[in-house]
Structure formats: structure tokens, C-alpha cells
């Protein structure tokens, strides 16, 4: 009993699409697993003072450059905030749509936990928290934690902030 050639072609076409889909799912899963296993990698780059002393080095006793500095975000464009408003960050803040976010971002392109700003030593950093649409620093999409400098622009969807100290 011979099958129709069109039916055979459709069967092989369906199998090809199915295998391509499975390959795509496997590749995506592996990429996510690698990202989780490596973390951001940032903690490995920064040496703690204890580790420096154990190696024979001395921790820096330089001046605390953050003394008297109040890191904050100035609203440039946002749906639920007035341009020019200032949001004090303290030692850090979570930015996102969640009710638990320190800086609530009312933007359809924002994730519930979109990005975080945190202090590391005397510097402030920003890190994307695996958001769907990405976090942009000065027009470039964040791939790893980046140090913030005065007047840097942070964009989440259509919402934009300017970092100030």
C-alpha cells in the first residue's frame, strides 16, 4: 500500500518543524542554565578586604568617597511621576512594576523585578534582573552590572531616569 507523495512530504515537513522546535527549546534552556550557573560574575571580580589581608595585601584606607553623597534618580520621562522629581536610592533600590519594588515603574515594558541599583564599596552599580525587554544605560543594553556615574541615563521601556549623586 503506497502513500500519497504529498502526504509523505507533509509528514516529513511536520517532523522537521517539530525537531527544530525541540532544538530551539533545548538551546534556550541551556543558555538559561549557563546564565544561572555563572551568575552575574560580578561578585567574583570584587575582592573583599578579608581576602586581601589573607593574601598579604592591605585593604584600602582611602577616604570614603560616598560620605555626604545621596544617590538619587531624577525622573526624565515616566507615566506615574513628574519630570524633575527625585527618588532617593540610599544604598540601593529595586526598580520594577511590582508593589514590592523600591522604585515603581509604571510601564508596560517593565518587568515586576526589572533592575536593581546597589552599592559596592564606594560606588553605585546597576544590574538588569533578567527582564524581558532589557535595561538600557546611556542607550546601551546592560549585559552585566555597570558602575553608575553622575548624569547617566537609565531607560526601562519608555521610562527614563537620570542618575545623580
Protein backbone atom coordinates (compact mmCIF):
# COMPACT_ATOMS: atom_id res chain seq x y z
CA UNK A 1 0.00 0.00 0.00
CA UNK A 2 1.70 3.17 -1.21
CA UNK A 3 1.09 6.51 0.48
CA UNK A 4 0.38 9.62 -1.45
CA UNK A 5 3.65 11.60 -2.09
CA UNK A 6 2.05 14.81 -0.78
CA UNK A 7 1.09 13.12 2.50
CA UNK A 8 4.64 11.78 2.90
CA UNK A 9 6.09 15.27 2.25
CA UNK A 10 3.72 16.78 4.82
CA UNK A 11 4.71 14.15 7.41
CA UNK A 12 8.43 14.86 6.91
CA UNK A 13 7.77 18.61 6.97
CA UNK A 14 5.89 18.29 10.25
CA UNK A 15 8.71 16.20 11.74
CA UNK A 16 11.29 18.78 10.63
CA UNK A 17 9.34 21.62 12.26
CA UNK A 18 8.88 19.55 15.42
CA UNK A 19 12.62 18.80 15.66
CA UNK A 20 13.52 22.45 15.05
CA UNK A 21 11.17 23.49 17.84
CA UNK A 22 12.68 20.95 20.25
CA UNK A 23 16.18 22.12 19.31
CA UNK A 24 15.17 25.73 19.99
CA UNK A 25 13.72 24.81 23.42
CA UNK A 26 16.84 22.83 24.37
CA UNK A 27 19.17 25.63 23.28
CA UNK A 28 17.17 28.23 25.20
CA UNK A 29 17.18 26.07 28.34
CA UNK A 30 20.93 25.52 28.13
CA UNK A 31 21.54 29.24 27.76
CA UNK A 32 19.41 29.95 30.85
CA UNK A 33 21.20 27.25 32.84
CA UNK A 34 24.60 28.66 31.89
CA UNK A 35 23.48 32.14 32.93
CA UNK A 36 22.27 30.85 36.33
CA UNK A 37 25.40 28.78 36.92
CA UNK A 38 27.72 31.66 36.22
CA UNK A 39 25.58 34.26 37.99
CA UNK A 40 26.46 37.79 37.05
CA UNK A 41 30.12 37.04 37.67
CA UNK A 42 30.41 40.36 39.41
CA UNK A 43 30.95 39.00 42.92
CA UNK A 44 33.98 37.05 41.70
CA UNK A 45 35.59 40.20 40.28
CA UNK A 46 35.47 42.17 43.54
CA UNK A 47 37.88 41.12 46.24
CA UNK A 48 36.76 41.56 49.82
CA UNK A 49 39.09 43.27 52.32
CA UNK A 50 39.36 39.98 54.25
CA UNK A 51 40.65 38.16 51.17
CA UNK A 52 43.14 40.95 50.51
CA UNK A 53 44.51 40.74 54.06
CA UNK A 54 44.76 36.92 53.85
CA UNK A 55 46.82 37.28 50.66
CA UNK A 56 49.14 39.72 52.42
CA UNK A 57 47.68 42.86 50.90
CA UNK A 58 46.16 45.69 52.87
CA UNK A 59 42.62 46.94 52.49
CA UNK A 60 42.39 50.47 51.18
CA UNK A 61 42.18 53.11 53.89
CA UNK A 62 41.40 55.87 51.43
CA UNK A 63 38.69 58.42 52.09
CA UNK A 64 35.08 57.26 51.86
CA UNK A 65 34.09 58.96 48.64
CA UNK A 66 30.39 58.27 49.29
CA UNK A 67 30.39 60.23 52.56
CA UNK A 68 27.86 63.02 52.20
CA UNK A 69 26.69 61.69 48.83
CA UNK A 70 22.99 60.97 48.39
CA UNK A 71 22.48 58.86 45.25
CA UNK A 72 19.15 59.52 43.56
CA UNK A 73 17.28 59.19 40.30
CA UNK A 74 15.83 62.22 38.57
CA UNK A 75 12.70 61.45 36.56
CA UNK A 76 13.15 62.42 32.90
CA UNK A 77 10.05 60.67 31.49
CA UNK A 78 7.62 58.38 33.31
CA UNK A 79 3.92 57.57 33.31
CA UNK A 80 3.32 57.91 37.06
CA UNK A 81 5.95 60.50 38.02
CA UNK A 82 6.55 64.13 37.21
CA UNK A 83 9.70 65.05 35.25
CA UNK A 84 12.21 66.60 37.63
CA UNK A 85 11.08 64.55 40.65
CA UNK A 86 13.91 62.94 42.62
CA UNK A 87 13.86 59.41 44.04
CA UNK A 88 16.43 58.81 46.81
CA UNK A 89 18.18 55.44 46.44
CA UNK A 90 20.03 55.11 49.76
CA UNK A 91 22.27 52.03 49.49
CA UNK A 92 20.23 50.67 46.61
CA UNK A 93 16.81 50.04 45.14
CA UNK A 94 14.84 47.53 43.11
CA UNK A 95 13.16 49.01 40.02
CA UNK A 96 10.08 47.33 38.55
CA UNK A 97 6.30 47.06 38.28
CA UNK A 98 5.91 45.02 41.47
CA UNK A 99 4.25 46.54 44.52
CA UNK A 100 7.40 45.48 46.41
CA UNK A 101 9.72 47.49 44.12
CA UNK A 102 11.51 50.42 45.77
CA UNK A 103 11.08 52.45 42.58
CA UNK A 104 7.76 51.53 40.99
CA UNK A 105 7.98 51.73 37.19
CA UNK A 106 4.50 52.05 35.64
CA UNK A 107 5.48 51.00 32.14
CA UNK A 108 4.02 48.17 30.05
CA UNK A 109 7.55 47.15 29.02
CA UNK A 110 8.83 46.84 32.62
CA UNK A 111 9.10 43.51 34.44
CA UNK A 112 7.98 43.13 38.05
CA UNK A 113 11.63 43.00 39.22
CA UNK A 114 13.29 44.71 36.27
CA UNK A 115 16.62 46.08 37.52
CA UNK A 116 18.43 46.81 40.74
CA UNK A 117 20.77 49.58 41.82
CA UNK A 118 23.18 48.65 44.58
CA UNK A 119 26.23 49.98 46.41
CA UNK A 120 29.50 48.12 46.10
CA UNK A 121 32.18 49.77 48.18
CA UNK A 122 32.12 53.45 47.38
CA UNK A 123 30.40 53.09 44.00
CA UNK A 124 26.83 52.53 42.82
CA UNK A 125 26.04 49.90 40.18
CA UNK A 126 23.02 48.94 38.11
CA UNK A 127 22.14 45.40 37.04
CA UNK A 128 19.34 44.05 34.86
CA UNK A 129 17.47 41.30 36.70
CA UNK A 130 16.78 39.14 33.64
CA UNK A 131 13.98 41.37 32.39
CA UNK A 132 12.20 40.55 29.16
CA UNK A 133 12.78 43.89 27.43
CA UNK A 134 16.13 44.85 28.93
CA UNK A 135 17.53 47.80 30.84
CA UNK A 136 19.47 50.49 28.98
CA UNK A 137 22.29 52.60 30.39
CA UNK A 138 23.19 55.58 28.21
CA UNK A 139 21.49 53.92 25.24
CA UNK A 140 23.31 50.57 25.59
CA UNK A 141 21.56 47.42 26.82
CA UNK A 142 23.00 46.12 30.09
CA UNK A 143 24.62 42.69 29.83
CA UNK A 144 26.33 42.76 33.25
CA UNK A 145 26.42 45.11 36.25
CA UNK A 146 27.72 48.57 35.29
CA UNK A 147 29.02 51.35 37.51
CA UNK A 148 26.79 54.42 37.60
CA UNK A 149 28.21 57.90 37.11
CA UNK A 150 26.53 61.26 37.56
CA UNK A 151 24.22 62.16 34.64
CA UNK A 152 23.97 58.55 33.35
CA UNK A 153 20.57 57.84 31.81
CA UNK A 154 18.66 54.68 32.69
CA UNK A 155 15.84 53.59 30.40
CA UNK A 156 13.26 50.89 31.11
CA UNK A 157 10.73 50.73 28.28
CA UNK A 158 9.54 54.30 27.74
CA UNK A 159 10.53 55.35 31.28
CA UNK A 160 13.78 57.27 31.68
CA UNK A 161 15.75 58.37 34.73
CA UNK A 162 18.97 60.33 35.20
CA UNK A 163 21.35 59.16 37.94
CA UNK A 164 22.72 61.86 40.26
CA UNK A 165 24.85 61.99 43.39
